[in-house]
Amino acid sequence: MKVENRNEKLVKIPINSFKLEGILNLPERAKGIVIFAHGSGSSRFSLRNSFVARVLQNANFGTLLFDLLTREEDRIYENRFDINLLTQRLMIATKWVKNYPETKDMKIGYFGASTGAAAALQADAEMCSASAIVSRGGRPDLAENYLSKVKAPTLLIVGEYDDIVLELNRRAYNKILTEKKLVIIPKATHLFEEPGALEEVARLAREWFSNYLG
């Protein structure tokens, strides 16, 4: 039997003539809120991001997992790598959070995976919207022209065996001028499916957000 989570609710974020659906979870004493920017082909139901979100919720952070694309848009492969489009959607969701009565006074963090990490970095560069950013197996290189403008303290997490993405993160790390850290998870691949790998990602994210959103 599924147990109802009273802190969780389905929300709809207006985007022009349509709405993007999201899952908002607000613990009673939420000390900040983390907006998740999913990677290409993923959604608010991502098992990996949902796991990280639960760890953050247990640490009294609010979370918003939402779809950056509609189902129809996601069917067009090119949209998944349209960083400008993903960034615009993330910025609209950020403005929604800033106007939502229960979250309007909270500090905001971004947790980005894959292409979602690029959107998170670009969104912060454009609107200085976040107090902290965490990238999991991200593609910060896709926001290359914005990296030097990022203001939020940024944590890049990459698997040791995710060779190409690791090299791309190393190059991006050198272009980020704000407070930053690159953590390599030993023996982990791109999806962090190895025993304990995703748990380590969640622990690192919790600590990073605790430092800057608490």
N, C-alpha and C. Protein backbone atom coordinates (compact mmCIF):
# COMPACT_ATOMS: atom_id res chain seq x y z
N MET A 1 0.84 -1.19 0.00
CA MET A 1 0.00 0.00 0.00
C MET A 1 0.88 1.24 0.00
N LYS A 2 0.58 2.18 -0.88
CA LYS A 2 1.35 3.42 -0.97
C LYS A 2 0.97 4.35 0.18
N VAL A 3 1.96 4.85 0.87
CA VAL A 3 1.73 5.78 1.98
C VAL A 3 1.71 7.21 1.45
N GLU A 4 0.69 7.96 1.76
CA GLU A 4 0.57 9.34 1.30
C GLU A 4 1.64 10.21 1.93
N ASN A 5 2.28 10.99 1.11
CA ASN A 5 3.26 11.96 1.59
C ASN A 5 2.58 13.32 1.67
N ARG A 6 2.26 13.75 2.87
CA ARG A 6 1.48 14.98 3.04
C ARG A 6 2.27 16.23 2.66
N ASN A 7 3.60 16.10 2.57
CA ASN A 7 4.40 17.24 2.19
C ASN A 7 4.51 17.39 0.68
N GLU A 8 3.97 16.44 -0.06
CA GLU A 8 4.16 16.40 -1.51
C GLU A 8 2.88 16.79 -2.24
N LYS A 9 3.04 17.58 -3.28
CA LYS A 9 1.87 17.96 -4.07
C LYS A 9 2.26 18.12 -5.53
N LEU A 10 1.29 17.87 -6.40
CA LEU A 10 1.48 18.08 -7.83
C LEU A 10 1.23 19.56 -8.13
N VAL A 11 2.17 20.18 -8.83
CA VAL A 11 2.01 21.59 -9.20
C VAL A 11 2.11 21.72 -10.71
N LYS A 12 1.57 22.81 -11.23
CA LYS A 12 1.61 23.08 -12.67
C LYS A 12 2.18 24.49 -12.88
N ILE A 13 3.26 24.54 -13.63
CA ILE A 13 3.97 25.80 -13.85
C ILE A 13 3.59 26.33 -15.23
N PRO A 14 2.95 27.51 -15.28
CA PRO A 14 2.49 28.05 -16.58
C PRO A 14 3.67 28.42 -17.48
N ILE A 15 3.63 27.95 -18.71
CA ILE A 15 4.61 28.29 -19.74
C ILE A 15 3.82 28.72 -20.97
N ASN A 16 3.67 30.01 -21.19
CA ASN A 16 2.90 30.51 -22.32
C ASN A 16 1.49 29.92 -22.30
N SER A 17 1.15 29.11 -23.30
CA SER A 17 -0.22 28.61 -23.42
C SER A 17 -0.40 27.23 -22.79
N PHE A 18 0.63 26.69 -22.16
CA PHE A 18 0.52 25.37 -21.55
C PHE A 18 1.18 25.37 -20.18
N LYS A 19 1.18 24.23 -19.52
CA LYS A 19 1.75 24.12 -18.18
C LYS A 19 2.65 22.90 -18.09
N LEU A 20 3.74 23.05 -17.35
CA LEU A 20 4.63 21.93 -17.08
C LEU A 20 4.33 21.40 -15.69
N GLU A 21 4.24 20.08 -15.58
CA GLU A 21 3.90 19.48 -14.30
C GLU A 21 5.15 19.22 -13.45
N GLY A 22 4.99 19.37 -12.15
CA GLY A 22 6.10 19.14 -11.24
C GLY A 22 5.63 18.54 -9.93
N ILE A 23 6.58 18.04 -9.17
CA ILE A 23 6.30 17.47 -7.84
C ILE A 23 7.02 18.34 -6.82
N LEU A 24 6.26 19.03 -6.01
CA LEU A 24 6.81 19.90 -4.98
C LEU A 24 6.70 19.21 -3.63
N ASN A 25 7.81 19.13 -2.92
CA ASN A 25 7.82 18.53 -1.59
C ASN A 25 8.42 19.54 -0.63
N LEU A 26 7.65 19.92 0.39
CA LEU A 26 8.10 20.92 1.36
C LEU A 26 8.00 20.36 2.78
N PRO A 27 9.12 19.94 3.36
CA PRO A 27 9.11 19.56 4.78
C PRO A 27 8.64 20.74 5.63
N GLU A 28 8.12 20.44 6.81
CA GLU A 28 7.55 21.49 7.65
C GLU A 28 8.54 22.59 7.99
N ARG A 29 9.80 22.22 8.20
CA ARG A 29 10.81 23.23 8.55
C ARG A 29 11.83 23.37 7.43
N ALA A 30 11.35 23.44 6.21
CA ALA A 30 12.26 23.54 5.06
C ALA A 30 13.15 24.78 5.19
N LYS A 31 14.46 24.57 5.03
CA LYS A 31 15.42 25.67 5.17
C LYS A 31 15.92 26.17 3.83
N GLY A 32 15.32 25.71 2.77
CA GLY A 32 15.69 26.11 1.42
C GLY A 32 15.02 25.15 0.46
N ILE A 33 15.08 25.46 -0.83
CA ILE A 33 14.46 24.58 -1.81
C ILE A 33 15.43 24.31 -2.95
N VAL A 34 15.47 23.06 -3.40
CA VAL A 34 16.35 22.66 -4.50
C VAL A 34 15.48 22.32 -5.71
N ILE A 35 15.75 23.00 -6.81
CA ILE A 35 15.04 22.74 -8.07
C ILE A 35 15.89 21.78 -8.90
N PHE A 36 15.29 20.69 -9.35
CA PHE A 36 16.00 19.69 -10.12
C PHE A 36 15.82 19.96 -11.62
N ALA A 37 16.95 20.00 -12.32
CA ALA A 37 16.94 20.14 -13.78
C ALA A 37 17.39 18.80 -14.36
N HIS A 38 16.47 18.06 -14.93
CA HIS A 38 16.75 16.70 -15.39
C HIS A 38 17.55 16.69 -16.67
N GLY A 39 18.20 15.57 -16.92
CA GLY A 39 18.99 15.41 -18.11
C GLY A 39 18.16 15.02 -19.32
N SER A 40 18.82 14.89 -20.45
CA SER A 40 18.15 14.57 -21.70
C SER A 40 17.40 13.25 -21.61
N GLY A 41 16.13 13.30 -22.02
CA GLY A 41 15.32 12.10 -22.03
C GLY A 41 14.75 11.69 -20.69
N SER A 42 15.02 12.45 -19.65
CA SER A 42 14.53 12.11 -18.32
C SER A 42 13.32 12.97 -17.98
N SER A 43 12.79 12.79 -16.77
CA SER A 43 11.60 13.52 -16.37
C SER A 43 11.57 13.66 -14.85
N ARG A 44 10.48 14.21 -14.35
CA ARG A 44 10.33 14.38 -12.91
C ARG A 44 10.27 13.04 -12.18
N PHE A 45 10.08 11.95 -12.93
CA PHE A 45 10.00 10.63 -12.32
C PHE A 45 11.35 9.91 -12.31
N SER A 46 12.42 10.59 -12.66
CA SER A 46 13.75 9.99 -12.65
C SER A 46 14.03 9.34 -11.30
N LEU A 47 14.37 8.05 -11.32
CA LEU A 47 14.61 7.32 -10.07
C LEU A 47 15.84 7.86 -9.35
N ARG A 48 16.87 8.22 -10.13
CA ARG A 48 18.10 8.70 -9.50
C ARG A 48 17.89 10.06 -8.85
N ASN A 49 17.25 10.97 -9.56
CA ASN A 49 17.00 12.28 -8.97
C ASN A 49 15.99 12.20 -7.83
N SER A 50 15.03 11.30 -7.94
CA SER A 50 14.06 11.13 -6.85
C SER A 50 14.75 10.63 -5.59
N PHE A 51 15.75 9.78 -5.76
CA PHE A 51 16.50 9.29 -4.60
C PHE A 51 17.25 10.44 -3.94
N VAL A 52 17.93 11.25 -4.72
CA VAL A 52 18.65 12.40 -4.16
C VAL A 52 17.67 13.35 -3.49
N ALA A 53 16.52 13.55 -4.12
CA ALA A 53 15.52 14.45 -3.54
C ALA A 53 15.07 13.98 -2.17
N ARG A 54 14.87 12.66 -2.01
CA ARG A 54 14.44 12.14 -0.70
C ARG A 54 15.51 12.39 0.36
N VAL A 55 16.76 12.22 -0.01
CA VAL A 55 17.85 12.49 0.94
C VAL A 55 17.82 13.96 1.36
N LEU A 56 17.58 14.85 0.41
CA LEU A 56 17.51 16.28 0.72
C LEU A 56 16.28 16.60 1.57
N GLN A 57 15.18 15.96 1.26
CA GLN A 57 13.96 16.19 2.07
C GLN A 57 14.17 15.76 3.51
N ASN A 58 14.87 14.65 3.71
CA ASN A 58 15.17 14.17 5.07
C ASN A 58 16.09 15.12 5.81
N ALA A 59 16.79 15.97 5.05
CA ALA A 59 17.66 16.98 5.67
C ALA A 59 16.95 18.33 5.75
N ASN A 60 15.61 18.30 5.58
CA ASN A 60 14.76 19.50 5.68
C ASN A 60 14.96 20.50 4.56
N PHE A 61 15.18 20.01 3.35
CA PHE A 61 15.17 20.86 2.18
C PHE A 61 13.91 20.57 1.37
N GLY A 62 13.30 21.63 0.86
CA GLY A 62 12.22 21.44 -0.09
C GLY A 62 12.81 21.04 -1.43
N THR A 63 12.02 20.36 -2.24
CA THR A 63 12.48 19.96 -3.57
C THR A 63 11.38 20.19 -4.60
N LEU A 64 11.80 20.53 -5.80
CA LEU A 64 10.87 20.64 -6.92
C LEU A 64 11.45 19.86 -8.09
N LEU A 65 10.78 18.76 -8.43
CA LEU A 65 11.16 17.98 -9.61
C LEU A 65 10.10 18.24 -10.67
N PHE A 66 10.50 18.80 -11.80
CA PHE A 66 9.52 19.13 -12.83
C PHE A 66 10.09 18.82 -14.21
N ASP A 67 9.20 18.72 -15.18
CA ASP A 67 9.59 18.41 -16.55
C ASP A 67 9.95 19.69 -17.28
N LEU A 68 11.15 19.76 -17.83
CA LEU A 68 11.56 20.93 -18.58
C LEU A 68 10.92 20.96 -19.96
N LEU A 69 10.48 19.79 -20.44
CA LEU A 69 9.84 19.69 -21.75
C LEU A 69 8.50 18.98 -21.62
N THR A 70 7.59 19.31 -22.51
CA THR A 70 6.34 18.55 -22.59
C THR A 70 6.63 17.21 -23.27
N ARG A 71 5.68 16.30 -23.22
CA ARG A 71 5.87 15.00 -23.88
C ARG A 71 6.11 15.17 -25.37
N GLU A 72 5.36 16.09 -25.97
CA GLU A 72 5.50 16.31 -27.41
C GLU A 72 6.88 16.88 -27.74
N GLU A 73 7.34 17.83 -26.91
CA GLU A 73 8.66 18.43 -27.15
C GLU A 73 9.77 17.41 -26.95
N ASP A 74 9.60 16.53 -25.98
CA ASP A 74 10.64 15.56 -25.68
C ASP A 74 10.80 14.52 -26.79
N ARG A 75 9.78 14.35 -27.59
CA ARG A 75 9.87 13.41 -28.70
C ARG A 75 10.83 13.91 -29.79
N ILE A 76 11.08 15.22 -29.80
CA ILE A 76 12.02 15.80 -30.77
C ILE A 76 13.40 15.78 -30.12
N TYR A 77 14.27 14.92 -30.61
CA TYR A 77 15.56 14.66 -29.97
C TYR A 77 16.37 15.94 -29.78
N GLU A 78 16.33 16.83 -30.76
CA GLU A 78 17.13 18.05 -30.69
C GLU A 78 16.75 18.92 -29.50
N ASN A 79 15.49 18.87 -29.08
CA ASN A 79 15.06 19.69 -27.94
C ASN A 79 15.79 19.32 -26.65
N ARG A 80 16.18 18.05 -26.54
CA ARG A 80 16.84 17.59 -25.33
C ARG A 80 18.21 18.23 -25.15
N PHE A 81 18.78 18.72 -26.24
CA PHE A 81 20.09 19.36 -26.18
C PHE A 81 20.02 20.86 -26.51
N ASP A 82 18.81 21.39 -26.51
CA ASP A 82 18.62 22.83 -26.73
C ASP A 82 18.77 23.53 -25.37
N ILE A 83 20.00 23.87 -25.03
CA ILE A 83 20.28 24.41 -23.69
C ILE A 83 19.57 25.74 -23.46
N ASN A 84 19.45 26.55 -24.49
CA ASN A 84 18.73 27.82 -24.33
C ASN A 84 17.27 27.58 -23.96
N LEU A 85 16.65 26.60 -24.61
CA LEU A 85 15.26 26.27 -24.29
C LEU A 85 15.14 25.73 -22.87
N LEU A 86 16.02 24.80 -22.50
CA LEU A 86 15.98 24.23 -21.15
C LEU A 86 16.23 25.30 -20.09
N THR A 87 17.14 26.22 -20.40
CA THR A 87 17.45 27.30 -19.46
C THR A 87 16.24 28.21 -19.26
N GLN A 88 15.56 28.54 -20.35
CA GLN A 88 14.37 29.38 -20.23
C GLN A 88 13.32 28.72 -19.35
N ARG A 89 13.14 27.42 -19.52
CA ARG A 89 12.15 26.72 -18.70
C ARG A 89 12.56 26.71 -17.23
N LEU A 90 13.85 26.53 -16.97
CA LEU A 90 14.33 26.52 -15.59
C LEU A 90 14.16 27.90 -14.96
N MET A 91 14.41 28.96 -15.72
CA MET A 91 14.26 30.31 -15.19
C MET A 91 12.80 30.61 -14.89
N ILE A 92 11.89 30.13 -15.74
CA ILE A 92 10.46 30.33 -15.48
C ILE A 92 10.05 29.59 -14.21
N ALA A 93 10.56 28.36 -14.03
CA ALA A 93 10.26 27.61 -12.81
C ALA A 93 10.83 28.32 -11.59
N THR A 94 12.00 28.91 -11.75
CA THR A 94 12.62 29.64 -10.64
C THR A 94 11.76 30.84 -10.23
N LYS A 95 11.27 31.56 -11.21
CA LYS A 95 10.40 32.70 -10.92
C LYS A 95 9.11 32.24 -10.26
N TRP A 96 8.61 31.07 -10.69
CA TRP A 96 7.41 30.50 -10.06
C TRP A 96 7.67 30.22 -8.59
N VAL A 97 8.82 29.63 -8.28
CA VAL A 97 9.18 29.32 -6.89
C VAL A 97 9.30 30.61 -6.08
N LYS A 98 9.85 31.65 -6.69
CA LYS A 98 10.03 32.92 -5.98
C LYS A 98 8.71 33.63 -5.71
N ASN A 99 7.67 33.27 -6.45
CA ASN A 99 6.36 33.88 -6.26
C ASN A 99 5.39 32.99 -5.51
N TYR A 100 5.73 31.72 -5.35
CA TYR A 100 4.85 30.78 -4.67
C TYR A 100 4.87 31.11 -3.17
N PRO A 101 3.71 31.26 -2.54
CA PRO A 101 3.64 31.74 -1.15
C PRO A 101 4.51 30.96 -0.17
N GLU A 102 4.58 29.64 -0.31
CA GLU A 102 5.31 28.84 0.67
C GLU A 102 6.81 28.79 0.41
N THR A 103 7.26 29.27 -0.72
CA THR A 103 8.69 29.17 -1.04
C THR A 103 9.33 30.52 -1.38
N LYS A 104 8.54 31.57 -1.42
CA LYS A 104 9.04 32.85 -1.93
C LYS A 104 10.20 33.43 -1.12
N ASP A 105 10.32 33.04 0.15
CA ASP A 105 11.39 33.57 0.99
C ASP A 105 12.56 32.61 1.15
N MET A 106 12.53 31.49 0.45
CA MET A 106 13.57 30.48 0.61
C MET A 106 14.74 30.71 -0.35
N LYS A 107 15.93 30.36 0.12
CA LYS A 107 17.07 30.32 -0.79
C LYS A 107 16.88 29.14 -1.75
N ILE A 108 17.41 29.32 -2.97
CA ILE A 108 17.20 28.33 -4.02
C ILE A 108 18.51 27.66 -4.41
N GLY A 109 18.46 26.35 -4.55
CA GLY A 109 19.59 25.60 -5.09
C GLY A 109 19.17 24.90 -6.36
N TYR A 110 20.14 24.62 -7.23
CA TYR A 110 19.89 23.85 -8.44
C TYR A 110 20.64 22.53 -8.36
N PHE A 111 19.95 21.44 -8.72
CA PHE A 111 20.61 20.15 -8.88
C PHE A 111 20.40 19.73 -10.33
N GLY A 112 21.48 19.74 -11.10
CA GLY A 112 21.37 19.44 -12.52
C GLY A 112 22.08 18.15 -12.89
N ALA A 113 21.45 17.36 -13.76
CA ALA A 113 22.06 16.13 -14.27
C ALA A 113 22.17 16.22 -15.78
N SER A 114 23.29 15.76 -16.32
CA SER A 114 23.51 15.75 -17.76
C SER A 114 23.28 17.14 -18.35
N THR A 115 22.40 17.28 -19.34
CA THR A 115 22.15 18.58 -19.95
C THR A 115 21.50 19.55 -18.97
N GLY A 116 20.81 19.02 -17.96
CA GLY A 116 20.19 19.87 -16.95
C GLY A 116 21.21 20.68 -16.18
N ALA A 117 22.43 20.15 -16.04
CA ALA A 117 23.48 20.89 -15.36
C ALA A 117 23.87 22.13 -16.14
N ALA A 118 23.92 22.01 -17.46
CA ALA A 118 24.22 23.17 -18.30
C ALA A 118 23.14 24.23 -18.16
N ALA A 119 21.88 23.79 -18.13
CA ALA A 119 20.77 24.72 -17.95
C ALA A 119 20.86 25.42 -16.60
N ALA A 120 21.23 24.70 -15.56
CA ALA A 120 21.35 25.28 -14.22
C ALA A 120 22.43 26.35 -14.19
N LEU A 121 23.57 26.05 -14.78
CA LEU A 121 24.68 27.01 -14.79
C LEU A 121 24.33 28.24 -15.61
N GLN A 122 23.72 28.03 -16.76
CA GLN A 122 23.36 29.17 -17.60
C GLN A 122 22.28 30.02 -16.94
N ALA A 123 21.31 29.38 -16.31
CA ALA A 123 20.24 30.12 -15.63
C ALA A 123 20.81 31.00 -14.54
N ASP A 124 21.75 30.47 -13.76
CA ASP A 124 22.35 31.28 -12.70
C ASP A 124 23.16 32.42 -13.29
N ALA A 125 23.88 32.16 -14.37
CA ALA A 125 24.67 33.21 -15.01
C ALA A 125 23.78 34.34 -15.53
N GLU A 126 22.58 33.99 -15.98
CA GLU A 126 21.70 34.99 -16.57
C GLU A 126 20.89 35.76 -15.53
N MET A 127 20.52 35.10 -14.41
CA MET A 127 19.63 35.79 -13.46
C MET A 127 20.10 35.72 -12.01
N CYS A 128 21.32 35.21 -11.78
CA CYS A 128 21.86 35.13 -10.40
C CYS A 128 20.81 34.57 -9.45
N SER A 129 20.23 33.45 -9.83
CA SER A 129 19.04 32.94 -9.16
C SER A 129 19.31 31.94 -8.05
N ALA A 130 20.49 31.33 -8.04
CA ALA A 130 20.74 30.24 -7.11
C ALA A 130 21.75 30.63 -6.03
N SER A 131 21.62 29.98 -4.88
CA SER A 131 22.60 30.14 -3.81
C SER A 131 23.64 29.03 -3.85
N ALA A 132 23.35 27.96 -4.60
CA ALA A 132 24.29 26.85 -4.75
C ALA A 132 23.84 25.97 -5.91
N ILE A 133 24.81 25.34 -6.57
CA ILE A 133 24.53 24.46 -7.70
C ILE A 133 25.29 23.15 -7.51
N VAL A 134 24.61 22.03 -7.78
CA VAL A 134 25.26 20.72 -7.80
C VAL A 134 25.00 20.08 -9.15
N SER A 135 26.06 19.57 -9.77
CA SER A 135 25.95 18.89 -11.05
C SER A 135 26.32 17.42 -10.87
N ARG A 136 25.43 16.52 -11.33
CA ARG A 136 25.70 15.08 -11.27
C ARG A 136 25.90 14.54 -12.67
N GLY A 137 27.12 14.12 -12.98
CA GLY A 137 27.37 13.60 -14.31
C GLY A 137 26.94 14.60 -15.37
N GLY A 138 27.19 15.88 -15.10
CA GLY A 138 26.66 16.95 -15.93
C GLY A 138 27.48 17.25 -17.17
N ARG A 139 26.89 18.11 -18.01
CA ARG A 139 27.55 18.59 -19.21
C ARG A 139 27.71 20.11 -19.12
N PRO A 140 28.51 20.59 -18.18
CA PRO A 140 28.70 22.04 -18.05
C PRO A 140 29.32 22.65 -19.29
N ASP A 141 29.99 21.85 -20.09
CA ASP A 141 30.60 22.35 -21.33
C ASP A 141 29.56 22.91 -22.29
N LEU A 142 28.31 22.44 -22.19
CA LEU A 142 27.26 22.93 -23.07
C LEU A 142 26.80 24.34 -22.70
N ALA A 143 27.29 24.84 -21.56
CA ALA A 143 27.03 26.24 -21.16
C ALA A 143 28.35 27.00 -21.11
N GLU A 144 29.27 26.61 -21.99
CA GLU A 144 30.64 27.11 -21.94
C GLU A 144 30.73 28.63 -21.91
N ASN A 145 29.91 29.31 -22.70
CA ASN A 145 30.00 30.77 -22.78
C ASN A 145 29.50 31.48 -21.54
N TYR A 146 28.89 30.73 -20.62
CA TYR A 146 28.31 31.33 -19.42
C TYR A 146 29.08 30.97 -18.15
N LEU A 147 30.02 30.05 -18.25
CA LEU A 147 30.67 29.51 -17.05
C LEU A 147 31.36 30.60 -16.23
N SER A 148 32.00 31.54 -16.88
CA SER A 148 32.73 32.58 -16.14
C SER A 148 31.79 33.57 -15.45
N LYS A 149 30.49 33.50 -15.81
CA LYS A 149 29.51 34.42 -15.23
C LYS A 149 28.71 33.79 -14.09
N VAL A 150 28.92 32.51 -13.84
CA VAL A 150 28.20 31.83 -12.76
C VAL A 150 28.63 32.42 -11.42
N LYS A 151 27.66 32.72 -10.58
CA LYS A 151 27.94 33.32 -9.26
C LYS A 151 27.78 32.32 -8.11
N ALA A 152 26.91 31.33 -8.27
CA ALA A 152 26.61 30.41 -7.18
C ALA A 152 27.76 29.42 -6.97
N PRO A 153 28.10 29.11 -5.72
CA PRO A 153 29.08 28.05 -5.46
C PRO A 153 28.66 26.76 -6.14
N THR A 154 29.58 26.15 -6.87
CA THR A 154 29.24 25.05 -7.77
C THR A 154 30.03 23.79 -7.44
N LEU A 155 29.31 22.69 -7.29
CA LEU A 155 29.91 21.37 -7.04
C LEU A 155 29.68 20.50 -8.26
N LEU A 156 30.77 20.02 -8.86
CA LEU A 156 30.69 19.11 -10.00
C LEU A 156 31.02 17.70 -9.51
N ILE A 157 30.10 16.76 -9.72
CA ILE A 157 30.30 15.37 -9.31
C ILE A 157 30.33 14.49 -10.56
N VAL A 158 31.40 13.72 -10.72
CA VAL A 158 31.56 12.89 -11.91
C VAL A 158 32.10 11.53 -11.50
N GLY A 159 31.68 10.49 -12.22
CA GLY A 159 32.20 9.15 -11.98
C GLY A 159 33.60 8.97 -12.54
N GLU A 160 34.42 8.23 -11.85
CA GLU A 160 35.80 8.01 -12.28
C GLU A 160 35.88 7.37 -13.66
N TYR A 161 34.96 6.47 -13.97
CA TYR A 161 34.99 5.75 -15.23
C TYR A 161 34.14 6.42 -16.32
N ASP A 162 33.63 7.58 -16.05
CA ASP A 162 32.87 8.34 -17.04
C ASP A 162 33.86 9.24 -17.79
N ASP A 163 34.74 8.62 -18.58
CA ASP A 163 35.94 9.26 -19.08
C ASP A 163 35.71 10.57 -19.82
N ILE A 164 34.84 10.55 -20.82
CA ILE A 164 34.64 11.74 -21.65
C ILE A 164 34.02 12.87 -20.84
N VAL A 165 32.98 12.54 -20.06
CA VAL A 165 32.31 13.55 -19.25
C VAL A 165 33.25 14.10 -18.18
N LEU A 166 34.11 13.26 -17.65
CA LEU A 166 35.08 13.72 -16.65
C LEU A 166 36.03 14.75 -17.25
N GLU A 167 36.51 14.50 -18.45
CA GLU A 167 37.40 15.46 -19.10
C GLU A 167 36.67 16.76 -19.40
N LEU A 168 35.42 16.67 -19.83
CA LEU A 168 34.64 17.87 -20.10
C LEU A 168 34.42 18.68 -18.83
N ASN A 169 34.21 17.99 -17.71
CA ASN A 169 34.02 18.68 -16.43
C ASN A 169 35.32 19.34 -15.96
N ARG A 170 36.42 18.69 -16.18
CA ARG A 170 37.70 19.29 -15.81
C ARG A 170 37.95 20.59 -16.57
N ARG A 171 37.64 20.58 -17.85
CA ARG A 171 37.81 21.80 -18.64
C ARG A 171 36.85 22.89 -18.17
N ALA A 172 35.60 22.51 -17.89
CA ALA A 172 34.61 23.48 -17.43
C ALA A 172 35.00 24.05 -16.07
N TYR A 173 35.52 23.18 -15.22
CA TYR A 173 35.93 23.60 -13.87
C TYR A 173 36.92 24.76 -13.95
N ASN A 174 37.83 24.71 -14.89
CA ASN A 174 38.84 25.76 -15.03
C ASN A 174 38.25 27.08 -15.49
N LYS A 175 37.05 27.03 -16.08
CA LYS A 175 36.43 28.26 -16.58
C LYS A 175 35.44 28.87 -15.59
N ILE A 176 35.08 28.12 -14.58
CA ILE A 176 34.19 28.64 -13.54
C ILE A 176 35.02 29.45 -12.55
N LEU A 177 34.61 30.69 -12.31
CA LEU A 177 35.41 31.60 -11.50
C LEU A 177 34.89 31.74 -10.07
N THR A 178 33.70 31.29 -9.82
CA THR A 178 33.14 31.38 -8.47
C THR A 178 33.70 30.26 -7.60
N GLU A 179 33.26 30.17 -6.35
CA GLU A 179 33.67 29.06 -5.49
C GLU A 179 33.22 27.75 -6.13
N LYS A 180 34.11 26.77 -6.15
CA LYS A 180 33.81 25.55 -6.91
C LYS A 180 34.56 24.37 -6.33
N LYS A 181 34.07 23.17 -6.72
CA LYS A 181 34.73 21.94 -6.30
C LYS A 181 34.38 20.84 -7.29
N LEU A 182 35.36 20.03 -7.62
CA LEU A 182 35.16 18.87 -8.49
C LEU A 182 35.44 17.62 -7.69
N VAL A 183 34.43 16.75 -7.59
CA VAL A 183 34.57 15.50 -6.84
C VAL A 183 34.40 14.32 -7.81
N ILE A 184 35.36 13.41 -7.79
CA ILE A 184 35.32 12.23 -8.64
C ILE A 184 34.97 11.02 -7.78
N ILE A 185 33.86 10.35 -8.11
CA ILE A 185 33.42 9.19 -7.35
C ILE A 185 34.18 7.96 -7.85
N PRO A 186 34.98 7.32 -6.99
CA PRO A 186 35.79 6.18 -7.42
C PRO A 186 34.95 5.05 -8.02
N LYS A 187 35.43 4.50 -9.15
CA LYS A 187 34.85 3.32 -9.81
C LYS A 187 33.42 3.53 -10.30
N ALA A 188 32.94 4.76 -10.32
CA ALA A 188 31.57 5.02 -10.76
C ALA A 188 31.53 5.35 -12.25
N THR A 189 30.46 4.94 -12.92
CA THR A 189 30.23 5.27 -14.31
C THR A 189 29.20 6.40 -14.41
N HIS A 190 28.74 6.68 -15.62
CA HIS A 190 27.93 7.89 -15.84
C HIS A 190 26.64 7.90 -15.03
N LEU A 191 25.98 6.76 -14.88
CA LEU A 191 24.69 6.73 -14.19
C LEU A 191 24.80 6.41 -12.70
N PHE A 192 26.03 6.25 -12.21
CA PHE A 192 26.26 6.00 -10.78
C PHE A 192 25.46 4.80 -10.28
N GLU A 193 25.48 3.74 -11.08
CA GLU A 193 24.71 2.54 -10.74
C GLU A 193 25.47 1.60 -9.83
N GLU A 194 26.76 1.85 -9.61
CA GLU A 194 27.58 0.98 -8.77
C GLU A 194 27.14 1.09 -7.30
N PRO A 195 27.32 0.03 -6.51
CA PRO A 195 26.91 0.05 -5.10
C PRO A 195 27.52 1.24 -4.35
N GLY A 196 26.66 2.02 -3.74
CA GLY A 196 27.10 3.15 -2.91
C GLY A 196 27.39 4.42 -3.67
N ALA A 197 27.43 4.38 -5.00
CA ALA A 197 27.81 5.56 -5.78
C ALA A 197 26.76 6.67 -5.68
N LEU A 198 25.50 6.31 -5.90
CA LEU A 198 24.45 7.33 -5.85
C LEU A 198 24.26 7.85 -4.43
N GLU A 199 24.45 6.97 -3.45
CA GLU A 199 24.38 7.40 -2.05
C GLU A 199 25.44 8.46 -1.76
N GLU A 200 26.62 8.28 -2.34
CA GLU A 200 27.69 9.27 -2.15
C GLU A 200 27.35 10.58 -2.84
N VAL A 201 26.75 10.50 -4.01
CA VAL A 201 26.29 11.72 -4.69
C VAL A 201 25.30 12.48 -3.82
N ALA A 202 24.33 11.76 -3.25
CA ALA A 202 23.32 12.40 -2.42
C ALA A 202 23.94 13.02 -1.17
N ARG A 203 24.90 12.32 -0.58
CA ARG A 203 25.57 12.85 0.62
C ARG A 203 26.33 14.14 0.29
N LEU A 204 27.03 14.14 -0.81
CA LEU A 204 27.78 15.33 -1.21
C LEU A 204 26.84 16.50 -1.50
N ALA A 205 25.73 16.20 -2.17
CA ALA A 205 24.76 17.25 -2.47
C ALA A 205 24.15 17.82 -1.20
N ARG A 206 23.82 16.94 -0.27
CA ARG A 206 23.24 17.39 1.00
C ARG A 206 24.20 18.31 1.74
N GLU A 207 25.45 17.94 1.78
CA GLU A 207 26.44 18.77 2.48
C GLU A 207 26.64 20.11 1.78
N TRP A 208 26.68 20.08 0.45
CA TRP A 208 26.89 21.32 -0.29
C TRP A 208 25.73 22.29 -0.08
N PHE A 209 24.50 21.79 -0.19
CA PHE A 209 23.35 22.64 0.01
C PHE A 209 23.22 23.08 1.46
N SER A 210 23.61 22.23 2.40
CA SER A 210 23.56 22.61 3.81
C SER A 210 24.48 23.80 4.08
N ASN A 211 25.60 23.85 3.38
CA ASN A 211 26.55 24.94 3.57
C ASN A 211 26.03 26.26 3.05
N TYR A 212 25.21 26.23 2.00
CA TYR A 212 24.83 27.47 1.33
C TYR A 212 23.35 27.82 1.37
N LEU A 213 22.51 26.86 1.69
CA LEU A 213 21.07 27.14 1.79
C LEU A 213 20.56 27.13 3.22
N GLY A 214 21.35 26.58 4.12
CA GLY A 214 20.90 26.43 5.50
C GLY A 214 20.84 27.76 6.24
